[in-house]
Amino acid sequence: MPSLGADMESGTVAEWLVQPGDSIHKGDIIAVIDTDKALIEVESFHTGVVDDLLVGVGERVPVGTPLARISGTGAEAPTPARRPRPAPPESRAPAPEAPPAPARKGRPETAANAPEPGPAPPPVTSPIVRHLAEQRGLDLTAVHGTGPGGRVTRTDVEHAERRVKASPLARKLATELGVVLGDIQGTGITGAIRAADVRAAAREDGLQEAAGPAEAQPMPPAGEHAVRKPDGERRQDAMRQVIARVMAKSKREIPHYYLSTTVDLDAALTWLRERNRDLPVPQRTLPAALLLKAAACASKEVPELNGFWIDDAFVPGDGVHVGVAISLKAGGLIAPALHDVAERDLDDVMADLRDLVTRSRAGRLRGTEMTEATITVTNLGDLGVEAVHGIIYPPQVALVGFGKILDRPWAVDGLLGVRPVVTVTLAGDHRATDGFTGARFLAAVDRLLNHPEEL
């Protein structure tokens, strides 16, 4: 069980995306872990063959517990000699490898010859591809295979999934109820399939009891009814407990110091308006991305604030990976990382920020996004907050806060006028740095925002 953040002590295997016998490569997504704060997609750190899954779906285990056994190296992984191992449990023999090509070729002409169409999908896909298709509510017989001999590959499944527009909850319900998403007409925006559409399709297919178990079950006793909560509320309670535990530990153990400054944004916003003038609305850069990039570049200039306090010593980060505080629709907070922000083009930062917010609220984050932030930025300006004095997320040593951009009286070269300004705050760990270092950081942010072309 990987540690997906300093606040994680244990996790639950929400789903496996591999089965024993599957060949995997380093970087492949192999499981989804429930950390109480979010569902995180976990990548493999190794290349090889999955021998055994040691923890079942729904089991909660402490961080560090082995989840699966993988054998072989990069060289051994692709060898077909290991593939027959999982065949007996799935009632598959090596012999059917020969028939698939003719069976697939002749399928349009022999559709009436009864038994052939039924068993056709298993021979032309790997177990992991079949599993991925099931998790996404896709009918493999409707997916065009581009692999050797017409085999359906992981890429084919992902392309088919993108063609079917559906919400994450709708996909989950479709898997649970056995409904094929491709057969459903969506009623959401741009024709996207919603959870209500899946439930309606389940009722039409005679799956009413599965779609609404609460209606078929007797009412629980009054006492049990009072205690039992919906899954959403239980997740929210668990998230608040995690946040409470980590923030209490942070304030108890980290000696915080706070600094703030007010920055004139007239030059930055004028530059941004000129930059966005000829761009379509979806491609325009928002001030939030500019502030994020300024904080990242300042962190690169003042590296003493970009890293971690571990074992009574400061450990610098291997790059500027900015944790972005994102509020979730169901409540709670999460701070996944944008990697190497100081080195990225501003357009890329904006695109990555949009993507990160969308995936955070849809519960589709990666493990690396939850573990590698070197400094956190929070921006509450869109809610009207003028200044943010945050709490450091351990083991990081700094947190930057941006408030609302306000029009205020401002003196420039002895003349008073009205200028757009923003309050920038820094929470620093006094064990790692002091006020002088923090002041250098805020001065760098001020300079960068007054010379936005440097960003």
Protein backbone atom coordinates (compact mmCIF):
# COMPACT_ATOMS: atom_id res chain seq x y z
CA MET A 1 0.00 0.00 0.00
CA PRO A 2 1.70 3.23 -1.13
CA SER A 3 1.80 6.35 1.02
CA LEU A 4 -0.26 8.85 -0.97
CA GLY A 5 0.42 11.81 1.30
CA ALA A 6 1.77 12.52 4.76
CA ASP A 7 -1.73 12.25 6.21
CA MET A 8 -2.30 8.68 4.98
CA GLU A 9 -1.95 5.82 7.46
CA SER A 10 -3.99 3.19 5.63
CA GLY A 11 -5.96 2.73 2.42
CA THR A 12 -8.63 0.59 0.82
CA VAL A 13 -8.29 -1.22 -2.49
CA ALA A 14 -11.27 0.16 -4.43
CA GLU A 15 -10.59 -1.88 -7.57
CA TRP A 16 -7.92 -3.92 -9.33
CA LEU A 17 -7.19 -3.22 -12.98
CA VAL A 18 -4.99 -6.29 -13.38
CA GLN A 19 -5.40 -10.02 -12.74
CA PRO A 20 -2.90 -12.81 -12.04
CA GLY A 21 -1.04 -13.67 -15.23
CA ASP A 22 -1.19 -10.18 -16.72
CA SER A 23 2.02 -8.63 -18.06
CA ILE A 24 2.52 -5.08 -16.81
CA HIS A 25 5.04 -2.33 -17.40
CA LYS A 26 6.40 0.38 -15.18
CA GLY A 27 3.93 3.27 -15.18
CA ASP A 28 0.83 1.16 -15.96
CA ILE A 29 -2.17 1.94 -13.77
CA ILE A 30 -2.84 -1.26 -11.85
CA ALA A 31 -5.22 -0.33 -9.03
CA VAL A 32 -7.46 2.37 -7.58
CA ILE A 33 -6.91 3.15 -3.88
CA ASP A 34 -9.41 4.88 -1.60
CA THR A 35 -7.49 7.16 0.80
CA ASP A 36 -10.62 8.62 2.52
CA LYS A 37 -9.84 11.95 0.81
CA ALA A 38 -9.99 10.70 -2.79
CA LEU A 39 -9.87 7.72 -5.14
CA ILE A 40 -6.30 7.61 -6.50
CA GLU A 41 -5.07 5.68 -9.53
CA VAL A 42 -1.84 3.88 -8.59
CA GLU A 43 0.88 3.09 -11.11
CA SER A 44 3.20 0.11 -11.07
CA PHE A 45 6.82 0.76 -10.14
CA HIS A 46 7.94 -2.47 -11.81
CA THR A 47 7.76 -4.38 -15.08
CA GLY A 48 6.87 -8.06 -14.94
CA VAL A 49 4.02 -10.53 -14.58
CA VAL A 50 1.37 -10.37 -11.85
CA ASP A 51 1.63 -13.61 -9.88
CA ASP A 52 -0.90 -12.95 -7.13
CA LEU A 53 -3.18 -10.26 -5.69
CA LEU A 54 -2.59 -10.29 -1.93
CA VAL A 55 -5.30 -7.80 -0.89
CA GLY A 56 -8.88 -8.06 -2.11
CA VAL A 57 -11.19 -5.31 -3.26
CA GLY A 58 -12.72 -3.54 -0.26
CA GLU A 59 -9.96 -4.54 2.16
CA ARG A 60 -8.35 -1.77 4.22
CA VAL A 61 -4.67 -2.23 5.07
CA PRO A 62 -1.90 -0.05 6.58
CA VAL A 63 0.60 1.80 4.42
CA GLY A 64 3.48 -0.53 3.52
CA THR A 65 1.37 -3.69 3.31
CA PRO A 66 2.18 -5.75 0.17
CA LEU A 67 -0.74 -5.58 -2.26
CA ALA A 68 0.43 -7.90 -5.05
CA ARG A 69 3.29 -10.15 -6.04
CA ILE A 70 5.05 -9.39 -9.33
CA SER A 71 7.72 -11.63 -10.83
CA GLY A 72 10.07 -11.19 -13.76
CA THR A 73 11.90 -8.21 -15.18
CA GLY A 74 11.41 -6.05 -18.23
CA ALA A 75 12.97 -8.74 -20.38
CA GLU A 76 10.76 -11.51 -19.02
CA ALA A 77 7.47 -9.66 -19.01
CA PRO A 78 6.54 -10.02 -22.69
CA THR A 79 7.54 -13.69 -23.02
CA PRO A 80 4.53 -15.82 -23.92
CA ALA A 81 5.85 -18.78 -21.89
CA ARG A 82 4.40 -17.33 -18.67
CA ARG A 83 0.95 -16.59 -20.11
CA PRO A 84 -0.55 -20.11 -19.83
CA ARG A 85 -0.31 -19.92 -16.00
CA PRO A 86 -3.68 -18.22 -15.46
CA ALA A 87 -5.44 -20.25 -18.20
CA PRO A 88 -6.92 -23.07 -16.04
CA PRO A 89 -8.91 -20.81 -13.65
CA GLU A 90 -10.52 -19.07 -16.62
CA SER A 91 -11.16 -22.33 -18.48
CA ARG A 92 -8.96 -21.25 -21.35
CA ALA A 93 -6.42 -23.46 -23.10
CA PRO A 94 -3.52 -22.44 -25.30
CA ALA A 95 -5.13 -24.21 -28.28
CA PRO A 96 -7.80 -21.53 -29.00
CA GLU A 97 -4.99 -19.11 -29.98
CA ALA A 98 -5.16 -20.50 -33.56
CA PRO A 99 -8.93 -20.15 -34.28
CA PRO A 100 -9.43 -16.50 -33.35
CA ALA A 101 -8.32 -15.04 -36.70
CA PRO A 102 -10.64 -17.13 -38.89
CA ALA A 103 -13.47 -16.84 -36.39
CA ARG A 104 -13.18 -13.06 -36.39
CA LYS A 105 -12.80 -12.93 -40.18
CA GLY A 106 -15.82 -15.06 -40.81
CA ARG A 107 -18.04 -13.62 -38.12
CA PRO A 108 -20.11 -11.37 -40.46
CA GLU A 109 -20.94 -14.30 -42.75
CA THR A 110 -21.52 -16.96 -40.07
CA ALA A 111 -23.45 -14.93 -37.54
CA ALA A 112 -26.24 -17.46 -37.78
CA ASN A 113 -23.96 -20.37 -36.86
CA ALA A 114 -24.88 -20.33 -33.21
CA PRO A 115 -21.99 -21.01 -30.77
CA GLU A 116 -19.22 -19.00 -32.48
CA PRO A 117 -20.22 -15.39 -31.61
CA GLY A 118 -20.59 -16.11 -27.87
CA PRO A 119 -17.02 -17.15 -26.97
CA ALA A 120 -15.39 -14.84 -29.56
CA PRO A 121 -14.36 -11.97 -27.21
CA PRO A 122 -12.16 -13.95 -24.74
CA PRO A 123 -9.61 -15.26 -27.30
CA VAL A 124 -9.06 -11.84 -28.92
CA THR A 125 -8.37 -9.83 -25.77
CA SER A 126 -6.08 -10.09 -22.79
CA PRO A 127 -7.56 -10.43 -19.27
CA ILE A 128 -6.51 -6.89 -18.38
CA VAL A 129 -8.27 -5.45 -21.44
CA ARG A 130 -11.45 -7.37 -20.63
CA HIS A 131 -11.27 -6.12 -17.06
CA LEU A 132 -10.79 -2.51 -18.17
CA ALA A 133 -13.76 -2.79 -20.51
CA GLU A 134 -15.94 -4.18 -17.71
CA GLN A 135 -14.87 -1.37 -15.35
CA ARG A 136 -15.85 1.19 -18.00
CA GLY A 137 -19.17 -0.44 -18.88
CA LEU A 138 -18.12 -1.16 -22.48
CA ASP A 139 -19.25 -4.04 -24.71
CA LEU A 140 -16.08 -5.55 -26.20
CA THR A 141 -17.96 -6.92 -29.21
CA ALA A 142 -18.64 -3.31 -30.21
CA VAL A 143 -14.98 -2.23 -29.86
CA HIS A 144 -12.87 -2.29 -33.03
CA GLY A 145 -9.58 -4.09 -32.40
CA THR A 146 -6.39 -2.68 -33.89
CA GLY A 147 -3.93 -5.19 -32.45
CA PRO A 148 -2.36 -8.19 -34.22
CA GLY A 149 -5.05 -10.51 -35.56
CA GLY A 150 -7.73 -7.99 -34.67
CA ARG A 151 -7.07 -8.20 -30.93
CA VAL A 152 -8.66 -5.47 -28.84
CA THR A 153 -5.94 -3.49 -27.02
CA ARG A 154 -5.95 -1.19 -23.99
CA THR A 155 -5.75 1.80 -26.40
CA ASP A 156 -8.85 0.57 -28.26
CA VAL A 157 -10.78 0.44 -24.98
CA GLU A 158 -9.62 3.91 -23.96
CA HIS A 159 -10.62 5.33 -27.36
CA ALA A 160 -14.02 3.66 -27.10
CA GLU A 161 -14.44 5.07 -23.58
CA ARG A 162 -13.71 8.59 -24.82
CA ARG A 163 -16.34 8.20 -27.53
CA VAL A 164 -18.94 7.33 -24.88
CA LYS A 165 -19.53 10.48 -22.81
CA ALA A 166 -20.54 9.58 -19.25
CA SER A 167 -20.00 10.87 -15.74
CA PRO A 168 -17.73 8.86 -13.38
CA LEU A 169 -20.76 7.93 -11.23
CA ALA A 170 -22.65 6.77 -14.33
CA ARG A 171 -19.73 4.51 -15.31
CA LYS A 172 -19.56 3.06 -11.80
CA LEU A 173 -23.31 2.36 -11.73
CA ALA A 174 -23.18 0.79 -15.20
CA THR A 175 -20.50 -1.63 -13.98
CA GLU A 176 -22.48 -2.53 -10.84
CA LEU A 177 -25.77 -3.00 -12.69
CA GLY A 178 -24.38 -4.72 -15.78
CA VAL A 179 -25.63 -2.01 -18.14
CA VAL A 180 -23.77 -1.30 -21.41
CA LEU A 181 -23.14 2.44 -21.70
CA GLY A 182 -23.10 2.33 -25.49
CA ASP A 183 -26.80 1.35 -25.46
CA ILE A 184 -27.90 4.38 -23.40
CA GLN A 185 -29.04 7.74 -24.75
CA GLY A 186 -27.54 10.43 -22.49
CA THR A 187 -29.61 13.37 -21.25
CA GLY A 188 -26.75 15.44 -19.83
CA ILE A 189 -24.90 18.37 -21.37
CA THR A 190 -23.63 17.53 -24.89
CA GLY A 191 -25.43 14.19 -24.61
CA ALA A 192 -23.38 12.87 -21.70
CA ILE A 193 -24.80 9.86 -19.85
CA ARG A 194 -25.80 10.62 -16.26
CA ALA A 195 -26.40 8.29 -13.32
CA ALA A 196 -30.17 8.78 -13.75
CA ASP A 197 -29.91 7.52 -17.35
CA VAL A 198 -28.14 4.36 -16.18
CA ARG A 199 -30.79 3.71 -13.50
CA ALA A 200 -33.56 4.20 -16.06
CA ALA A 201 -31.87 1.74 -18.44
CA ALA A 202 -31.48 -0.77 -15.60
CA ARG A 203 -35.20 -0.56 -14.81
CA GLU A 204 -36.07 -1.15 -18.47
CA ASP A 205 -33.81 -4.24 -18.49
CA GLY A 206 -35.51 -5.68 -15.41
CA LEU A 207 -32.70 -4.71 -13.03
CA GLN A 208 -34.95 -2.58 -10.85
CA GLU A 209 -33.99 -4.38 -7.65
CA ALA A 210 -30.29 -3.79 -8.29
CA ALA A 211 -30.91 -0.17 -9.21
CA GLY A 212 -32.88 0.60 -6.11
CA PRO A 213 -32.13 -1.87 -3.30
CA ALA A 214 -33.45 0.50 -0.70
CA GLU A 215 -36.98 0.13 -2.10
CA ALA A 216 -36.86 -3.67 -1.92
CA GLN A 217 -35.49 -3.91 1.61
CA PRO A 218 -37.48 -3.52 4.82
CA MET A 219 -36.99 -0.32 6.78
CA PRO A 220 -34.20 -0.61 9.36
CA PRO A 221 -34.96 -0.21 13.05
CA ALA A 222 -35.19 3.38 14.25
CA GLY A 223 -31.88 3.23 16.08
CA GLU A 224 -30.01 1.78 13.12
CA HIS A 225 -31.64 4.29 10.77
CA ALA A 226 -30.43 7.13 12.94
CA VAL A 227 -26.83 5.91 12.93
CA ARG A 228 -26.43 4.68 9.35
CA LYS A 229 -25.31 7.33 6.85
CA PRO A 230 -25.10 7.39 3.05
CA ASP A 231 -21.71 6.62 1.48
CA GLY A 232 -21.19 10.28 0.61
CA GLU A 233 -21.66 11.39 4.20
CA ARG A 234 -19.41 8.63 5.54
CA ARG A 235 -16.68 9.67 3.08
CA GLN A 236 -17.11 13.30 4.10
CA ASP A 237 -16.79 12.37 7.80
CA ALA A 238 -13.64 10.35 7.08
CA MET A 239 -12.13 13.21 5.07
CA ARG A 240 -12.81 15.74 7.82
CA GLN A 241 -11.18 13.40 10.36
CA VAL A 242 -8.07 13.11 8.16
CA ILE A 243 -7.88 16.89 7.67
CA ALA A 244 -8.42 17.50 11.39
CA ARG A 245 -5.68 15.04 12.36
CA VAL A 246 -3.08 16.43 9.93
CA MET A 247 -3.81 20.12 10.54
CA ALA A 248 -3.78 19.64 14.32
CA LYS A 249 -0.42 17.88 14.04
CA SER A 250 0.91 20.66 11.81
CA LYS A 251 -0.05 23.45 14.21
CA ARG A 252 1.18 21.44 17.19
CA GLU A 253 4.60 20.49 15.77
CA ILE A 254 5.46 23.19 13.23
CA PRO A 255 6.41 26.66 14.55
CA HIS A 256 4.65 28.78 11.92
CA TYR A 257 5.62 32.34 11.05
CA TYR A 258 3.46 34.51 8.79
CA LEU A 259 4.41 37.29 6.38
CA SER A 260 2.28 39.22 3.91
CA THR A 261 2.66 41.86 1.23
CA THR A 262 0.37 43.69 -1.20
CA VAL A 263 1.33 43.50 -4.87
CA ASP A 264 0.32 45.93 -7.62
CA LEU A 265 -1.12 43.83 -10.48
CA ASP A 266 -1.70 46.62 -13.00
CA ALA A 267 1.24 45.55 -15.21
CA ALA A 268 0.37 41.85 -14.92
CA LEU A 269 -3.32 42.23 -15.78
CA THR A 270 -2.61 44.64 -18.65
CA TRP A 271 -0.08 42.18 -20.09
CA LEU A 272 -2.58 39.32 -19.63
CA ARG A 273 -5.38 41.22 -21.41
CA GLU A 274 -3.12 41.90 -24.38
CA ARG A 275 -2.05 38.26 -24.45
CA ASN A 276 -5.64 36.96 -24.35
CA ARG A 277 -7.08 39.49 -26.82
CA ASP A 278 -6.90 37.31 -29.94
CA LEU A 279 -7.43 33.93 -28.24
CA PRO A 280 -10.75 32.04 -28.06
CA VAL A 281 -12.29 31.99 -24.57
CA PRO A 282 -11.38 28.34 -23.74
CA GLN A 283 -7.68 29.05 -24.44
CA ARG A 284 -7.35 32.26 -22.44
CA THR A 285 -5.09 32.36 -19.40
CA LEU A 286 -6.70 33.30 -16.09
CA PRO A 287 -4.96 35.38 -13.39
CA ALA A 288 -4.89 32.25 -11.17
CA ALA A 289 -2.36 30.60 -13.51
CA LEU A 290 -0.22 33.74 -13.52
CA LEU A 291 -0.16 33.83 -9.70
CA LEU A 292 0.65 30.11 -9.58
CA LYS A 293 3.55 30.52 -12.02
CA ALA A 294 4.88 33.51 -10.05
CA ALA A 295 4.88 31.47 -6.81
CA ALA A 296 6.68 28.60 -8.57
CA CYS A 297 9.36 30.86 -10.07
CA ALA A 298 9.88 32.54 -6.69
CA SER A 299 10.30 29.07 -5.13
CA LYS A 300 13.02 28.35 -7.67
CA GLU A 301 14.80 31.59 -6.73
CA VAL A 302 14.43 30.90 -2.99
CA PRO A 303 14.86 27.09 -2.82
CA GLU A 304 15.00 27.09 1.00
CA LEU A 305 11.17 27.16 0.95
CA ASN A 306 10.79 24.44 -1.69
CA GLY A 307 11.19 21.10 0.04
CA PHE A 308 10.55 19.12 3.20
CA TRP A 309 11.47 18.93 6.87
CA ILE A 310 12.41 15.30 7.51
CA ASP A 311 14.38 13.81 10.42
CA ASP A 312 15.18 17.24 11.87
CA ALA A 313 16.73 18.48 8.62
CA PHE A 314 15.63 20.30 5.48
CA VAL A 315 15.50 18.18 2.32
CA PRO A 316 15.24 20.26 -0.90
CA GLY A 317 12.70 19.25 -3.54
CA ASP A 318 13.92 17.69 -6.80
CA GLY A 319 11.93 20.32 -8.72
CA VAL A 320 9.20 22.89 -8.12
CA HIS A 321 6.05 20.77 -7.84
CA VAL A 322 3.24 23.04 -6.68
CA GLY A 323 0.42 21.54 -4.63
CA VAL A 324 -2.84 23.30 -5.59
CA ALA A 325 -5.48 23.47 -2.85
CA ILE A 326 -8.78 22.40 -4.49
CA SER A 327 -12.15 22.35 -2.76
CA LEU A 328 -14.26 19.30 -3.63
CA LYS A 329 -17.92 19.57 -4.60
CA ALA A 330 -18.98 17.21 -1.83
CA GLY A 331 -16.92 19.16 0.70
CA GLY A 332 -13.38 18.81 1.93
CA LEU A 333 -10.03 19.79 0.50
CA ILE A 334 -7.29 18.14 -1.54
CA ALA A 335 -3.94 19.48 -2.77
CA PRO A 336 -2.58 17.49 -5.75
CA ALA A 337 0.63 18.60 -7.44
CA LEU A 338 1.38 20.28 -10.74
CA HIS A 339 4.88 19.15 -11.69
CA ASP A 340 7.79 21.41 -12.72
CA VAL A 341 5.61 24.53 -12.86
CA ALA A 342 8.59 26.92 -12.95
CA GLU A 343 9.83 25.28 -16.17
CA ARG A 344 6.47 25.17 -17.96
CA ASP A 345 5.01 27.61 -20.45
CA LEU A 346 2.15 29.69 -19.04
CA ASP A 347 -0.33 28.15 -21.52
CA ASP A 348 0.65 24.68 -20.32
CA VAL A 349 0.24 25.73 -16.68
CA MET A 350 -3.28 26.98 -17.42
CA ALA A 351 -4.24 23.80 -19.30
CA ASP A 352 -2.78 21.57 -16.57
CA LEU A 353 -4.56 23.56 -13.87
CA ARG A 354 -7.94 23.12 -15.58
CA ASP A 355 -7.28 19.41 -16.05
CA LEU A 356 -6.17 18.94 -12.44
CA VAL A 357 -9.26 20.64 -11.02
CA THR A 358 -11.56 18.58 -13.26
CA ARG A 359 -9.92 15.25 -12.38
CA SER A 360 -9.74 16.10 -8.67
CA ARG A 361 -13.48 16.66 -8.52
CA ALA A 362 -14.13 13.55 -10.61
CA GLY A 363 -11.90 11.38 -8.36
CA ARG A 364 -9.37 10.51 -11.09
CA LEU A 365 -6.01 11.56 -9.66
CA ARG A 366 -2.68 9.72 -9.98
CA GLY A 367 -0.54 8.59 -7.08
CA THR A 368 2.37 10.84 -8.10
CA GLU A 369 0.08 13.87 -7.98
CA MET A 370 -0.68 13.18 -4.33
CA THR A 371 2.85 12.55 -3.07
CA GLU A 372 5.30 14.89 -4.80
CA ALA A 373 4.19 18.48 -3.98
CA THR A 374 7.12 20.52 -2.66
CA ILE A 375 5.16 23.70 -1.76
CA THR A 376 1.42 24.41 -1.63
CA VAL A 377 -0.52 27.37 -3.03
CA THR A 378 -4.07 28.26 -2.00
CA ASN A 379 -6.17 30.90 -3.73
CA LEU A 380 -9.49 31.99 -2.22
CA GLY A 381 -9.78 35.22 -4.16
CA ASP A 382 -12.74 33.99 -6.21
CA LEU A 383 -14.70 33.69 -2.95
CA GLY A 384 -14.00 37.30 -1.96
CA VAL A 385 -11.36 36.52 0.67
CA GLU A 386 -8.81 39.37 0.90
CA ALA A 387 -6.01 37.43 2.62
CA VAL A 388 -5.29 33.76 3.40
CA HIS A 389 -3.19 32.72 6.41
CA GLY A 390 -2.86 28.98 5.84
CA ILE A 391 -1.51 25.99 7.73
CA ILE A 392 1.54 24.21 6.31
CA TYR A 393 0.96 20.72 4.94
CA PRO A 394 3.70 18.52 6.46
CA PRO A 395 6.40 17.62 5.65
CA GLN A 396 6.48 20.71 3.40
CA VAL A 397 7.92 23.89 4.92
CA ALA A 398 5.84 26.62 3.27
CA LEU A 399 2.36 27.55 2.07
CA VAL A 400 1.51 30.54 -0.14
CA GLY A 401 -1.89 32.24 -0.08
CA PHE A 402 -3.45 34.62 -2.62
CA GLY A 403 -6.50 36.75 -1.87
CA LYS A 404 -8.99 38.60 -4.03
CA ILE A 405 -7.77 41.09 -6.66
CA LEU A 406 -9.18 44.44 -5.49
CA ASP A 407 -9.16 47.98 -6.85
CA ARG A 408 -7.51 50.14 -4.20
CA PRO A 409 -5.99 53.65 -3.92
CA TRP A 410 -2.29 53.24 -4.76
CA ALA A 411 0.57 55.72 -4.99
CA VAL A 412 2.94 55.39 -7.97
CA ASP A 413 5.83 57.83 -8.41
CA GLY A 414 4.23 60.23 -5.97
CA LEU A 415 0.85 60.20 -7.74
CA LEU A 416 -2.28 58.64 -6.24
CA GLY A 417 -4.50 56.47 -8.41
CA VAL A 418 -6.67 53.37 -8.35
CA ARG A 419 -4.85 50.11 -9.12
CA PRO A 420 -5.69 46.37 -8.97
CA VAL A 421 -3.82 44.82 -6.04
CA VAL A 422 -3.63 41.41 -4.37
CA THR A 423 -2.51 40.37 -0.89
CA VAL A 424 0.08 37.57 -0.89
CA THR A 425 0.79 35.69 2.35
CA LEU A 426 3.44 33.17 3.29
CA ALA A 427 3.26 30.61 6.09
CA GLY A 428 6.80 29.36 6.80
CA ASP A 429 8.26 26.63 9.00
CA HIS A 430 10.59 28.41 11.45
CA ARG A 431 12.65 25.23 11.87
CA ALA A 432 13.71 25.37 8.21
CA THR A 433 13.80 29.13 7.53
CA ASP A 434 13.25 32.50 9.15
CA GLY A 435 11.52 35.77 8.29
CA PHE A 436 14.42 37.01 6.18
CA THR A 437 14.10 34.06 3.80
CA GLY A 438 10.34 34.48 3.66
CA ALA A 439 10.72 38.18 2.86
CA ARG A 440 13.04 37.32 -0.05
CA PHE A 441 10.38 34.98 -1.39
CA LEU A 442 7.61 37.60 -1.25
CA ALA A 443 9.90 40.19 -2.83
CA ALA A 444 10.52 37.76 -5.70
CA VAL A 445 6.77 37.25 -6.18
CA ASP A 446 6.26 41.04 -6.23
CA ARG A 447 9.02 41.56 -8.83
CA LEU A 448 7.82 38.76 -11.09
CA LEU A 449 4.22 39.99 -11.10
CA ASN A 450 5.41 43.50 -11.98
CA HIS A 451 7.43 42.06 -14.88
CA PRO A 452 5.03 39.35 -16.16
CA GLU A 453 7.02 38.91 -19.37
CA GLU A 454 9.57 37.00 -17.23
CA LEU A 455 6.92 34.37 -16.57
